[in-house]
PDB file of N, CA and C in Angstrom:
ATOM      1  N   MET A   1      -4.516  -9.845  38.685  1.00  0.00           N
ATOM      2  CA  MET A   1      -3.743  -8.968  37.858  1.00  0.00           C
ATOM      3  C   MET A   1      -4.461  -8.808  36.521  1.00  0.00           C
ATOM      4  N   ARG A   2      -4.607  -7.589  36.092  1.00  0.00           N
ATOM      5  CA  ARG A   2      -5.291  -7.299  34.843  1.00  0.00           C
ATOM      6  C   ARG A   2      -4.347  -7.451  33.660  1.00  0.00           C
ATOM      7  N   GLU A   3      -4.819  -8.132  32.635  1.00  0.00           N
ATOM      8  CA  GLU A   3      -4.000  -8.351  31.450  1.00  0.00           C
ATOM      9  C   GLU A   3      -3.970  -7.084  30.609  1.00  0.00           C
ATOM     10  N   GLU A   4      -2.794  -6.691  30.195  1.00  0.00           N
ATOM     11  CA  GLU A   4      -2.639  -5.496  29.378  1.00  0.00           C
ATOM     12  C   GLU A   4      -3.098  -5.782  27.951  1.00  0.00           C
ATOM     13  N   ILE A   5      -3.880  -4.885  27.401  1.00  0.00           N
ATOM     14  CA  ILE A   5      -4.345  -5.015  26.026  1.00  0.00           C
ATOM     15  C   ILE A   5      -3.516  -4.073  25.173  1.00  0.00           C
ATOM     16  N   ARG A   6      -2.856  -4.640  24.187  1.00  0.00           N
ATOM     17  CA  ARG A   6      -2.008  -3.846  23.315  1.00  0.00           C
ATOM     18  C   ARG A   6      -2.514  -3.955  21.890  1.00  0.00           C
ATOM     19  N   SER A   7      -2.468  -2.858  21.200  1.00  0.00           N
ATOM     20  CA  SER A   7      -2.865  -2.918  19.794  1.00  0.00           C
ATOM     21  C   SER A   7      -1.723  -3.531  18.993  1.00  0.00           C
ATOM     22  N   PRO A   8      -2.059  -4.308  18.001  1.00  0.00           N
ATOM     23  CA  PRO A   8      -1.015  -4.959  17.209  1.00  0.00           C
ATOM     24  C   PRO A   8      -0.244  -3.936  16.376  1.00  0.00           C
ATOM     25  N   LEU A   9       1.019  -4.178  16.214  1.00  0.00           N
ATOM     26  CA  LEU A   9       1.834  -3.349  15.343  1.00  0.00           C
ATOM     27  C   LEU A   9       1.824  -3.942  13.945  1.00  0.00           C
ATOM     28  N   PRO A  10       1.918  -3.115  12.941  1.00  0.00           N
ATOM     29  CA  PRO A  10       2.011  -3.673  11.592  1.00  0.00           C
ATOM     30  C   PRO A  10       3.231  -4.572  11.460  1.00  0.00           C
ATOM     31  N   LEU A  11       3.059  -5.669  10.769  1.00  0.00           N
ATOM     32  CA  LEU A  11       4.127  -6.637  10.577  1.00  0.00           C
ATOM     33  C   LEU A  11       4.789  -6.517   9.206  1.00  0.00           C
ATOM     34  N   VAL A  12       4.024  -6.067   8.239  1.00  0.00           N
ATOM     35  CA  VAL A  12       4.501  -6.029   6.858  1.00  0.00           C
ATOM     36  C   VAL A  12       4.004  -4.755   6.185  1.00  0.00           C
ATOM     37  N   THR A  13       4.809  -4.263   5.263  1.00  0.00           N
ATOM     38  CA  THR A  13       4.402  -3.134   4.429  1.00  0.00           C
ATOM     39  C   THR A  13       4.261  -3.639   3.005  1.00  0.00           C
ATOM     40  N   ILE A  14       3.132  -3.344   2.409  1.00  0.00           N
ATOM     41  CA  ILE A  14       2.895  -3.693   1.014  1.00  0.00           C
ATOM     42  C   ILE A  14       3.206  -2.464   0.181  1.00  0.00           C
ATOM     43  N   VAL A  15       4.070  -2.636  -0.803  1.00  0.00           N
ATOM     44  CA  VAL A  15       4.468  -1.545  -1.682  1.00  0.00           C
ATOM     45  C   VAL A  15       3.823  -1.764  -3.044  1.00  0.00           C
ATOM     46  N   ILE A  16       3.130  -0.741  -3.511  1.00  0.00           N
ATOM     47  CA  ILE A  16       2.528  -0.760  -4.845  1.00  0.00           C
ATOM     48  C   ILE A  16       3.079   0.438  -5.603  1.00  0.00           C
ATOM     49  N   CYS A  17       3.847   0.172  -6.638  1.00  0.00           N
ATOM     50  CA  CYS A  17       4.362   1.233  -7.495  1.00  0.00           C
ATOM     51  C   CYS A  17       3.477   1.297  -8.727  1.00  0.00           C
ATOM     52  N   THR A  18       3.107   2.500  -9.109  1.00  0.00           N
ATOM     53  CA  THR A  18       2.152   2.623 -10.201  1.00  0.00           C
ATOM     54  C   THR A  18       2.482   3.803 -11.105  1.00  0.00           C
ATOM     55  N   TYR A  19       2.095   3.663 -12.346  1.00  0.00           N
ATOM     56  CA  TYR A  19       2.216   4.736 -13.324  1.00  0.00           C
ATOM     57  C   TYR A  19       0.988   4.680 -14.229  1.00  0.00           C
ATOM     58  N   ASN A  20       0.120   5.660 -14.081  1.00  0.00           N
ATOM     59  CA  ASN A  20      -1.085   5.786 -14.916  1.00  0.00           C
ATOM     60  C   ASN A  20      -1.965   4.537 -14.924  1.00  0.00           C
ATOM     61  N   ARG A  21      -2.183   3.968 -13.759  1.00  0.00           N
ATOM     62  CA  ARG A  21      -3.046   2.788 -13.672  1.00  0.00           C
ATOM     63  C   ARG A  21      -4.227   3.014 -12.725  1.00  0.00           C
ATOM     64  N   ALA A  22      -4.686   4.231 -12.612  1.00  0.00           N
ATOM     65  CA  ALA A  22      -5.823   4.508 -11.733  1.00  0.00           C
ATOM     66  C   ALA A  22      -7.030   3.660 -12.129  1.00  0.00           C
ATOM     67  N   TYR A  23      -7.162   3.353 -13.395  1.00  0.00           N
ATOM     68  CA  TYR A  23      -8.314   2.591 -13.881  1.00  0.00           C
ATOM     69  C   TYR A  23      -8.379   1.181 -13.286  1.00  0.00           C
ATOM     70  N   ILE A  24      -7.267   0.653 -12.776  1.00  0.00           N
ATOM     71  CA  ILE A  24      -7.262  -0.711 -12.235  1.00  0.00           C
ATOM     72  C   ILE A  24      -6.745  -0.775 -10.802  1.00  0.00           C
ATOM     73  N   LEU A  25      -6.073   0.253 -10.339  1.00  0.00           N
ATOM     74  CA  LEU A  25      -5.459   0.254  -9.011  1.00  0.00           C
ATOM     75  C   LEU A  25      -6.478   0.037  -7.899  1.00  0.00           C
ATOM     76  N   GLY A  26      -7.669   0.565  -8.044  1.00  0.00           N
ATOM     77  CA  GLY A  26      -8.706   0.408  -7.025  1.00  0.00           C
ATOM     78  C   GLY A  26      -9.044  -1.044  -6.736  1.00  0.00           C
ATOM     79  N   GLU A  27      -9.030  -1.889  -7.772  1.00  0.00           N
ATOM     80  CA  GLU A  27      -9.315  -3.311  -7.565  1.00  0.00           C
ATOM     81  C   GLU A  27      -8.244  -3.961  -6.686  1.00  0.00           C
ATOM     82  N   GLY A  28      -7.004  -3.590  -6.892  1.00  0.00           N
ATOM     83  CA  GLY A  28      -5.931  -4.122  -6.072  1.00  0.00           C
ATOM     84  C   GLY A  28      -6.035  -3.658  -4.630  1.00  0.00           C
ATOM     85  N   LEU A  29      -6.368  -2.381  -4.435  1.00  0.00           N
ATOM     86  CA  LEU A  29      -6.526  -1.865  -3.071  1.00  0.00           C
ATOM     87  C   LEU A  29      -7.698  -2.535  -2.359  1.00  0.00           C
ATOM     88  N   ARG A  30      -8.799  -2.758  -3.074  1.00  0.00           N
ATOM     89  CA  ARG A  30      -9.938  -3.463  -2.468  1.00  0.00           C
ATOM     90  C   ARG A  30      -9.561  -4.894  -2.095  1.00  0.00           C
ATOM     91  N   SER A  31      -8.703  -5.512  -2.899  1.00  0.00           N
ATOM     92  CA  SER A  31      -8.282  -6.879  -2.571  1.00  0.00           C
ATOM     93  C   SER A  31      -7.441  -6.901  -1.295  1.00  0.00           C
ATOM     94  N   LEU A  32      -6.741  -5.824  -1.012  1.00  0.00           N
ATOM     95  CA  LEU A  32      -5.977  -5.753   0.239  1.00  0.00           C
ATOM     96  C   LEU A  32      -6.892  -5.510   1.428  1.00  0.00           C
ATOM     97  N   GLN A  33      -7.959  -4.775   1.214  1.00  0.00           N
ATOM     98  CA  GLN A  33      -8.934  -4.580   2.287  1.00  0.00           C
ATOM     99  C   GLN A  33      -9.630  -5.889   2.630  1.00  0.00           C
ATOM    100  N   ALA A  34      -9.662  -6.827   1.692  1.00  0.00           N
ATOM    101  CA  ALA A  34     -10.352  -8.101   1.890  1.00  0.00           C
ATOM    102  C   ALA A  34      -9.426  -9.211   2.381  1.00  0.00           C
ATOM    103  N   GLN A  35      -8.231  -8.871   2.803  1.00  0.00           N
ATOM    104  CA  GLN A  35      -7.302  -9.889   3.311  1.00  0.00           C
ATOM    105  C   GLN A  35      -7.860 -10.544   4.573  1.00  0.00           C
ATOM    106  N   THR A  36      -7.545 -11.815   4.764  1.00  0.00           N
ATOM    107  CA  THR A  36      -7.972 -12.493   5.984  1.00  0.00           C
ATOM    108  C   THR A  36      -7.155 -11.999   7.186  1.00  0.00           C
ATOM    109  N   LEU A  37      -5.962 -11.476   6.939  1.00  0.00           N
ATOM    110  CA  LEU A  37      -5.177 -10.841   7.992  1.00  0.00           C
ATOM    111  C   LEU A  37      -5.771  -9.453   8.229  1.00  0.00           C
ATOM    112  N   PRO A  38      -6.141  -9.115   9.451  1.00  0.00           N
ATOM    113  CA  PRO A  38      -6.727  -7.794   9.703  1.00  0.00           C
ATOM    114  C   PRO A  38      -5.810  -6.662   9.237  1.00  0.00           C
ATOM    115  N   THR A  39      -6.401  -5.607   8.741  1.00  0.00           N
ATOM    116  CA  THR A  39      -5.633  -4.505   8.163  1.00  0.00           C
ATOM    117  C   THR A  39      -4.718  -3.814   9.172  1.00  0.00           C
ATOM    118  N   CYS A  40      -4.960  -3.989  10.458  1.00  0.00           N
ATOM    119  CA  CYS A  40      -4.078  -3.367  11.454  1.00  0.00           C
ATOM    120  C   CYS A  40      -2.694  -4.010  11.461  1.00  0.00           C
ATOM    121  N   PHE A  41      -2.533  -5.163  10.812  1.00  0.00           N
ATOM    122  CA  PHE A  41      -1.251  -5.862  10.787  1.00  0.00           C
ATOM    123  C   PHE A  41      -0.386  -5.509   9.579  1.00  0.00           C
ATOM    124  N   PHE A  42      -0.880  -4.629   8.702  1.00  0.00           N
ATOM    125  CA  PHE A  42      -0.042  -4.258   7.558  1.00  0.00           C
ATOM    126  C   PHE A  42      -0.266  -2.803   7.150  1.00  0.00           C
ATOM    127  N   ASN A  43       0.801  -2.242   6.613  1.00  0.00           N
ATOM    128  CA  ASN A  43       0.783  -0.903   6.033  1.00  0.00           C
ATOM    129  C   ASN A  43       0.816  -1.042   4.522  1.00  0.00           C
ATOM    130  N   ILE A  44       0.413   0.007   3.847  1.00  0.00           N
ATOM    131  CA  ILE A  44       0.499   0.038   2.390  1.00  0.00           C
ATOM    132  C   ILE A  44       1.121   1.366   1.990  1.00  0.00           C
ATOM    133  N   ILE A  45       2.059   1.289   1.076  1.00  0.00           N
ATOM    134  CA  ILE A  45       2.629   2.494   0.477  1.00  0.00           C
ATOM    135  C   ILE A  45       2.382   2.410  -1.020  1.00  0.00           C
ATOM    136  N   VAL A  46       1.653   3.383  -1.545  1.00  0.00           N
ATOM    137  CA  VAL A  46       1.457   3.490  -2.988  1.00  0.00           C
ATOM    138  C   VAL A  46       2.406   4.572  -3.471  1.00  0.00           C
ATOM    139  N   VAL A  47       3.242   4.200  -4.433  1.00  0.00           N
ATOM    140  CA  VAL A  47       4.179   5.146  -5.025  1.00  0.00           C
ATOM    141  C   VAL A  47       3.684   5.491  -6.423  1.00  0.00           C
ATOM    142  N   ASP A  48       3.327   6.736  -6.598  1.00  0.00           N
ATOM    143  CA  ASP A  48       2.916   7.242  -7.904  1.00  0.00           C
ATOM    144  C   ASP A  48       4.195   7.664  -8.624  1.00  0.00           C
ATOM    145  N   ASN A  49       4.495   6.980  -9.706  1.00  0.00           N
ATOM    146  CA  ASN A  49       5.735   7.240 -10.435  1.00  0.00           C
ATOM    147  C   ASN A  49       5.519   8.288 -11.521  1.00  0.00           C
ATOM    148  N   ASP A  50       5.009   9.450 -11.077  1.00  0.00           N
ATOM    149  CA  ASP A  50       4.801  10.639 -11.929  1.00  0.00           C
ATOM    150  C   ASP A  50       3.656  10.447 -12.923  1.00  0.00           C
ATOM    151  N   SER A  51       2.557   9.843 -12.449  1.00  0.00           N
ATOM    152  CA  SER A  51       1.379   9.640 -13.292  1.00  0.00           C
ATOM    153  C   SER A  51       0.734  10.964 -13.660  1.00  0.00           C
ATOM    154  N   ASN A  52      -0.040  10.935 -14.728  1.00  0.00           N
ATOM    155  CA  ASN A  52      -0.824  12.112 -15.110  1.00  0.00           C
ATOM    156  C   ASN A  52      -2.300  11.748 -15.240  1.00  0.00           C
ATOM    157  N   ASP A  53      -2.714  10.726 -14.508  1.00  0.00           N
ATOM    158  CA  ASP A  53      -4.123  10.329 -14.491  1.00  0.00           C
ATOM    159  C   ASP A  53      -4.691  10.583 -13.094  1.00  0.00           C
ATOM    160  N   ALA A  54      -5.716   9.886 -12.705  1.00  0.00           N
ATOM    161  CA  ALA A  54      -6.412  10.124 -11.429  1.00  0.00           C
ATOM    162  C   ALA A  54      -5.860   9.287 -10.275  1.00  0.00           C
ATOM    163  N   THR A  55      -4.630   8.817 -10.390  1.00  0.00           N
ATOM    164  CA  THR A  55      -4.047   7.959  -9.345  1.00  0.00           C
ATOM    165  C   THR A  55      -4.086   8.640  -7.983  1.00  0.00           C
ATOM    166  N   GLN A  56      -3.642   9.875  -7.910  1.00  0.00           N
ATOM    167  CA  GLN A  56      -3.575  10.578  -6.626  1.00  0.00           C
ATOM    168  C   GLN A  56      -4.962  10.712  -5.996  1.00  0.00           C
ATOM    169  N   ALA A  57      -5.969  11.069  -6.755  1.00  0.00           N
ATOM    170  CA  ALA A  57      -7.331  11.215  -6.233  1.00  0.00           C
ATOM    171  C   ALA A  57      -7.881   9.865  -5.766  1.00  0.00           C
ATOM    172  N   LEU A  58      -7.594   8.811  -6.511  1.00  0.00           N
ATOM    173  CA  LEU A  58      -8.066   7.479  -6.134  1.00  0.00           C
ATOM    174  C   LEU A  58      -7.500   7.059  -4.785  1.00  0.00           C
ATOM    175  N   VAL A  59      -6.193   7.203  -4.609  1.00  0.00           N
ATOM    176  CA  VAL A  59      -5.558   6.805  -3.360  1.00  0.00           C
ATOM    177  C   VAL A  59      -6.042   7.685  -2.218  1.00  0.00           C
ATOM    178  N   LYS A  60      -6.236   8.959  -2.481  1.00  0.00           N
ATOM    179  CA  LYS A  60      -6.758   9.862  -1.443  1.00  0.00           C
ATOM    180  C   LYS A  60      -8.139   9.400  -0.975  1.00  0.00           C
ATOM    181  N   ASP A  61      -8.987   8.969  -1.889  1.00  0.00           N
ATOM    182  CA  ASP A  61     -10.317   8.463  -1.520  1.00  0.00           C
ATOM    183  C   ASP A  61     -10.206   7.231  -0.622  1.00  0.00           C
ATOM    184  N   PHE A  62      -9.303   6.326  -0.947  1.00  0.00           N
ATOM    185  CA  PHE A  62      -9.115   5.127  -0.122  1.00  0.00           C
ATOM    186  C   PHE A  62      -8.540   5.475   1.252  1.00  0.00           C
ATOM    187  N   SER A  63      -7.655   6.455   1.305  1.00  0.00           N
ATOM    188  CA  SER A  63      -6.937   6.740   2.556  1.00  0.00           C
ATOM    189  C   SER A  63      -7.796   7.428   3.603  1.00  0.00           C
ATOM    190  N   HIS A  64      -8.931   7.985   3.225  1.00  0.00           N
ATOM    191  CA  HIS A  64      -9.811   8.636   4.208  1.00  0.00           C
ATOM    192  C   HIS A  64     -10.213   7.683   5.325  1.00  0.00           C
ATOM    193  N   ASP A  65     -10.517   6.454   4.978  1.00  0.00           N
ATOM    194  CA  ASP A  65     -10.956   5.462   5.961  1.00  0.00           C
ATOM    195  C   ASP A  65      -9.897   4.402   6.246  1.00  0.00           C
ATOM    196  N   TRP A  66      -8.674   4.638   5.791  1.00  0.00           N
ATOM    197  CA  TRP A  66      -7.643   3.627   5.884  1.00  0.00           C
ATOM    198  C   TRP A  66      -6.316   4.282   6.220  1.00  0.00           C
ATOM    199  N   PRO A  67      -6.079   4.575   7.499  1.00  0.00           N
ATOM    200  CA  PRO A  67      -4.878   5.330   7.880  1.00  0.00           C
ATOM    201  C   PRO A  67      -3.563   4.600   7.608  1.00  0.00           C
ATOM    202  N   GLN A  68      -3.603   3.292   7.394  1.00  0.00           N
ATOM    203  CA  GLN A  68      -2.386   2.539   7.095  1.00  0.00           C
ATOM    204  C   GLN A  68      -1.895   2.769   5.661  1.00  0.00           C
ATOM    205  N   LEU A  69      -2.707   3.428   4.858  1.00  0.00           N
ATOM    206  CA  LEU A  69      -2.379   3.655   3.456  1.00  0.00           C
ATOM    207  C   LEU A  69      -1.666   4.995   3.303  1.00  0.00           C
ATOM    208  N   LYS A  70      -0.445   4.934   2.822  1.00  0.00           N
ATOM    209  CA  LYS A  70       0.360   6.140   2.593  1.00  0.00           C
ATOM    210  C   LYS A  70       0.601   6.305   1.103  1.00  0.00           C
ATOM    211  N   PHE A  71       0.744   7.545   0.688  1.00  0.00           N
ATOM    212  CA  PHE A  71       0.918   7.869  -0.719  1.00  0.00           C
ATOM    213  C   PHE A  71       2.150   8.740  -0.875  1.00  0.00           C
ATOM    214  N   ILE A  72       3.022   8.371  -1.794  1.00  0.00           N
ATOM    215  CA  ILE A  72       4.164   9.218  -2.101  1.00  0.00           C
ATOM    216  C   ILE A  72       4.297   9.337  -3.619  1.00  0.00           C
ATOM    217  N   ILE A  73       4.922  10.395  -4.038  1.00  0.00           N
ATOM    218  CA  ILE A  73       5.177  10.622  -5.463  1.00  0.00           C
ATOM    219  C   ILE A  73       6.677  10.546  -5.687  1.00  0.00           C
ATOM    220  N   GLU A  74       7.059   9.769  -6.685  1.00  0.00           N
ATOM    221  CA  GLU A  74       8.453   9.703  -7.116  1.00  0.00           C
ATOM    222  C   GLU A  74       8.511  10.189  -8.556  1.00  0.00           C
ATOM    223  N   LYS A  75       9.095  11.356  -8.758  1.00  0.00           N
ATOM    224  CA  LYS A  75       9.134  11.970 -10.090  1.00  0.00           C
ATOM    225  C   LYS A  75      10.110  11.274 -11.034  1.00  0.00           C
ATOM    226  N   LYS A  76      11.161  10.667 -10.488  1.00  0.00           N
ATOM    227  CA  LYS A  76      12.132   9.974 -11.338  1.00  0.00           C
ATOM    228  C   LYS A  76      11.534   8.632 -11.739  1.00  0.00           C
ATOM    229  N   ARG A  77      11.193   8.514 -12.995  1.00  0.00           N
ATOM    230  CA  ARG A  77      10.487   7.327 -13.468  1.00  0.00           C
ATOM    231  C   ARG A  77      11.358   6.079 -13.458  1.00  0.00           C
ATOM    232  N   GLY A  78      10.661   4.961 -13.271  1.00  0.00           N
ATOM    233  CA  GLY A  78      11.309   3.656 -13.270  1.00  0.00           C
ATOM    234  C   GLY A  78      10.924   2.897 -12.017  1.00  0.00           C
ATOM    235  N   ALA A  79      10.667   1.611 -12.183  1.00  0.00           N
ATOM    236  CA  ALA A  79      10.223   0.787 -11.050  1.00  0.00           C
ATOM    237  C   ALA A  79      11.244   0.776  -9.921  1.00  0.00           C
ATOM    238  N   GLY A  80      12.519   0.720 -10.259  1.00  0.00           N
ATOM    239  CA  GLY A  80      13.550   0.725  -9.222  1.00  0.00           C
ATOM    240  C   GLY A  80      13.540   2.004  -8.409  1.00  0.00           C
ATOM    241  N   ASN A  81      13.372   3.131  -9.072  1.00  0.00           N
ATOM    242  CA  ASN A  81      13.313   4.407  -8.367  1.00  0.00           C
ATOM    243  C   ASN A  81      12.091   4.476  -7.458  1.00  0.00           C
ATOM    244  N   ALA A  82      10.971   3.982  -7.952  1.00  0.00           N
ATOM    245  CA  ALA A  82       9.745   3.999  -7.150  1.00  0.00           C
ATOM    246  C   ALA A  82       9.877   3.083  -5.940  1.00  0.00           C
ATOM    247  N   ARG A  83      10.408   1.898  -6.122  1.00  0.00           N
ATOM    248  CA  ARG A  83      10.584   0.967  -4.993  1.00  0.00           C
ATOM    249  C   ARG A  83      11.561   1.528  -3.959  1.00  0.00           C
ATOM    250  N   ASN A  84      12.646   2.121  -4.423  1.00  0.00           N
ATOM    251  CA  ASN A  84      13.609   2.708  -3.486  1.00  0.00           C
ATOM    252  C   ASN A  84      12.991   3.849  -2.691  1.00  0.00           C
ATOM    253  N   ALA A  85      12.142   4.647  -3.328  1.00  0.00           N
ATOM    254  CA  ALA A  85      11.452   5.725  -2.606  1.00  0.00           C
ATOM    255  C   ALA A  85      10.562   5.141  -1.517  1.00  0.00           C
ATOM    256  N   ALA A  86       9.888   4.039  -1.824  1.00  0.00           N
ATOM    257  CA  ALA A  86       9.023   3.388  -0.831  1.00  0.00           C
ATOM    258  C   ALA A  86       9.847   2.809   0.310  1.00  0.00           C
ATOM    259  N   LEU A  87      10.944   2.161  -0.014  1.00  0.00           N
ATOM    260  CA  LEU A  87      11.757   1.515   1.022  1.00  0.00           C
ATOM    261  C   LEU A  87      12.291   2.512   2.044  1.00  0.00           C
ATOM    262  N   LYS A  88      12.463   3.746   1.634  1.00  0.00           N
ATOM    263  CA  LYS A  88      12.901   4.785   2.574  1.00  0.00           C
ATOM    264  C   LYS A  88      11.831   5.088   3.625  1.00  0.00           C
ATOM    265  N   LYS A  89      10.589   4.734   3.335  1.00  0.00           N
ATOM    266  CA  LYS A  89       9.462   5.025   4.236  1.00  0.00           C
ATOM    267  C   LYS A  89       9.003   3.815   5.046  1.00  0.00           C
ATOM    268  N   VAL A  90       9.522   2.647   4.737  1.00  0.00           N
ATOM    269  CA  VAL A  90       9.095   1.413   5.402  1.00  0.00           C
ATOM    270  C   VAL A  90       9.565   1.386   6.851  1.00  0.00           C
ATOM    271  N   THR A  91       8.664   1.000   7.758  1.00  0.00           N
ATOM    272  CA  THR A  91       9.000   0.897   9.185  1.00  0.00           C
ATOM    273  C   THR A  91       8.820  -0.524   9.722  1.00  0.00           C
ATOM    274  N   THR A  92       8.450  -1.463   8.867  1.00  0.00           N
ATOM    275  CA  THR A  92       8.235  -2.847   9.291  1.00  0.00           C
ATOM    276  C   THR A  92       9.434  -3.707   8.898  1.00  0.00           C
ATOM    277  N   ASP A  93       9.483  -4.906   9.478  1.00  0.00           N
ATOM    278  CA  ASP A  93      10.564  -5.829   9.151  1.00  0.00           C
ATOM    279  C   ASP A  93      10.370  -6.489   7.784  1.00  0.00           C
ATOM    280  N   TRP A  94       9.139  -6.620   7.365  1.00  0.00           N
ATOM    281  CA  TRP A  94       8.815  -7.321   6.128  1.00  0.00           C
ATOM    282  C   TRP A  94       8.230  -6.367   5.106  1.00  0.00           C
ATOM    283  N   VAL A  95       8.549  -6.629   3.834  1.00  0.00           N
ATOM    284  CA  VAL A  95       8.016  -5.853   2.712  1.00  0.00           C
ATOM    285  C   VAL A  95       7.502  -6.839   1.667  1.00  0.00           C
ATOM    286  N   ALA A  96       6.337  -6.543   1.123  1.00  0.00           N
ATOM    287  CA  ALA A  96       5.790  -7.321   0.019  1.00  0.00           C
ATOM    288  C   ALA A  96       5.425  -6.352  -1.093  1.00  0.00           C
ATOM    289  N   CYS A  97       5.672  -6.741  -2.317  1.00  0.00           N
ATOM    290  CA  CYS A  97       5.335  -5.881  -3.456  1.00  0.00           C
ATOM    291  C   CYS A  97       4.142  -6.476  -4.200  1.00  0.00           C
ATOM    292  N   LEU A  98       3.251  -5.582  -4.583  1.00  0.00           N
ATOM    293  CA  LEU A  98       2.091  -5.972  -5.378  1.00  0.00           C
ATOM    294  C   LEU A  98       2.063  -5.063  -6.600  1.00  0.00           C
ATOM    295  N   ASP A  99       1.961  -5.655  -7.775  1.00  0.00           N
ATOM    296  CA  ASP A  99       1.872  -4.841  -8.984  1.00  0.00           C
ATOM    297  C   ASP A  99       0.578  -4.046  -8.976  1.00  0.00           C
ATOM    298  N   SER A 100       0.611  -2.885  -9.596  1.00  0.00           N
ATOM    299  CA  SER A 100      -0.563  -2.010  -9.561  1.00  0.00           C
ATOM    300  C   SER A 100      -1.714  -2.517 -10.421  1.00  0.00           C
ATOM    301  N   ASP A 101      -1.472  -3.535 -11.230  1.00  0.00           N
ATOM    302  CA  ASP A 101      -2.559  -4.127 -12.015  1.00  0.00           C
ATOM    303  C   ASP A 101      -2.925  -5.519 -11.502  1.00  0.00           C
ATOM    304  N   ALA A 102      -2.563  -5.798 -10.242  1.00  0.00           N
ATOM    305  CA  ALA A 102      -2.810  -7.125  -9.664  1.00  0.00           C
ATOM    306  C   ALA A 102      -3.808  -7.043  -8.520  1.00  0.00           C
ATOM    307  N   LYS A 103      -4.426  -8.184  -8.256  1.00  0.00           N
ATOM    308  CA  LYS A 103      -5.289  -8.333  -7.090  1.00  0.00           C
ATOM    309  C   LYS A 103      -4.686  -9.431  -6.218  1.00  0.00           C
ATOM    310  N   ALA A 104      -4.727  -9.220  -4.908  1.00  0.00           N
ATOM    311  CA  ALA A 104      -4.171 -10.200  -3.976  1.00  0.00           C
ATOM    312  C   ALA A 104      -5.248 -11.187  -3.566  1.00  0.00           C
ATOM    313  N   HIS A 105      -4.908 -12.463  -3.539  1.00  0.00           N
ATOM    314  CA  HIS A 105      -5.791 -13.489  -3.018  1.00  0.00           C
ATOM    315  C   HIS A 105      -6.072 -13.161  -1.545  1.00  0.00           C
ATOM    316  N   PRO A 106      -7.249 -13.441  -1.018  1.00  0.00           N
ATOM    317  CA  PRO A 106      -7.571 -13.085   0.378  1.00  0.00           C
ATOM    318  C   PRO A 106      -6.581 -13.623   1.406  1.00  0.00           C
ATOM    319  N   ASP A 107      -5.920 -14.734   1.127  1.00  0.00           N
ATOM    320  CA  ASP A 107      -4.940 -15.301   2.056  1.00  0.00           C
ATOM    321  C   ASP A 107      -3.497 -14.949   1.669  1.00  0.00           C
ATOM    322  N   TRP A 108      -3.308 -13.987   0.784  1.00  0.00           N
ATOM    323  CA  TRP A 108      -1.967 -13.636   0.309  1.00  0.00           C
ATOM    324  C   TRP A 108      -1.034 -13.306   1.457  1.00  0.00           C
ATOM    325  N   LEU A 109      -1.506 -12.536   2.407  1.00  0.00           N
ATOM    326  CA  LEU A 109      -0.626 -12.174   3.516  1.00  0.00           C
ATOM    327  C   LEU A 109      -0.619 -13.237   4.594  1.00  0.00           C
TER     328      LEU A 109
END
């Protein structure tokens, strides 16, 4: 009998809410790419809380090679509003939040 090979489903969604932090957000996204847990096991949602910097272009550049990375815009400012917008898009059982000026340790997940 042949064993069925199944692709892993994402287990956790990482939510990053940001406002005008394109200058540092890339470091945090790179730290998620360097997780010891393979990227197929997690999704990322970046919520732009009505920034007027290069946040959207930065995330678009990352998402070309990273289909698990989703981008949404929440015009109503405030961390709570941004997190709630992200939670409406979450499809995993687990959610983790990472500040947009933070880097995750490689074993964070």
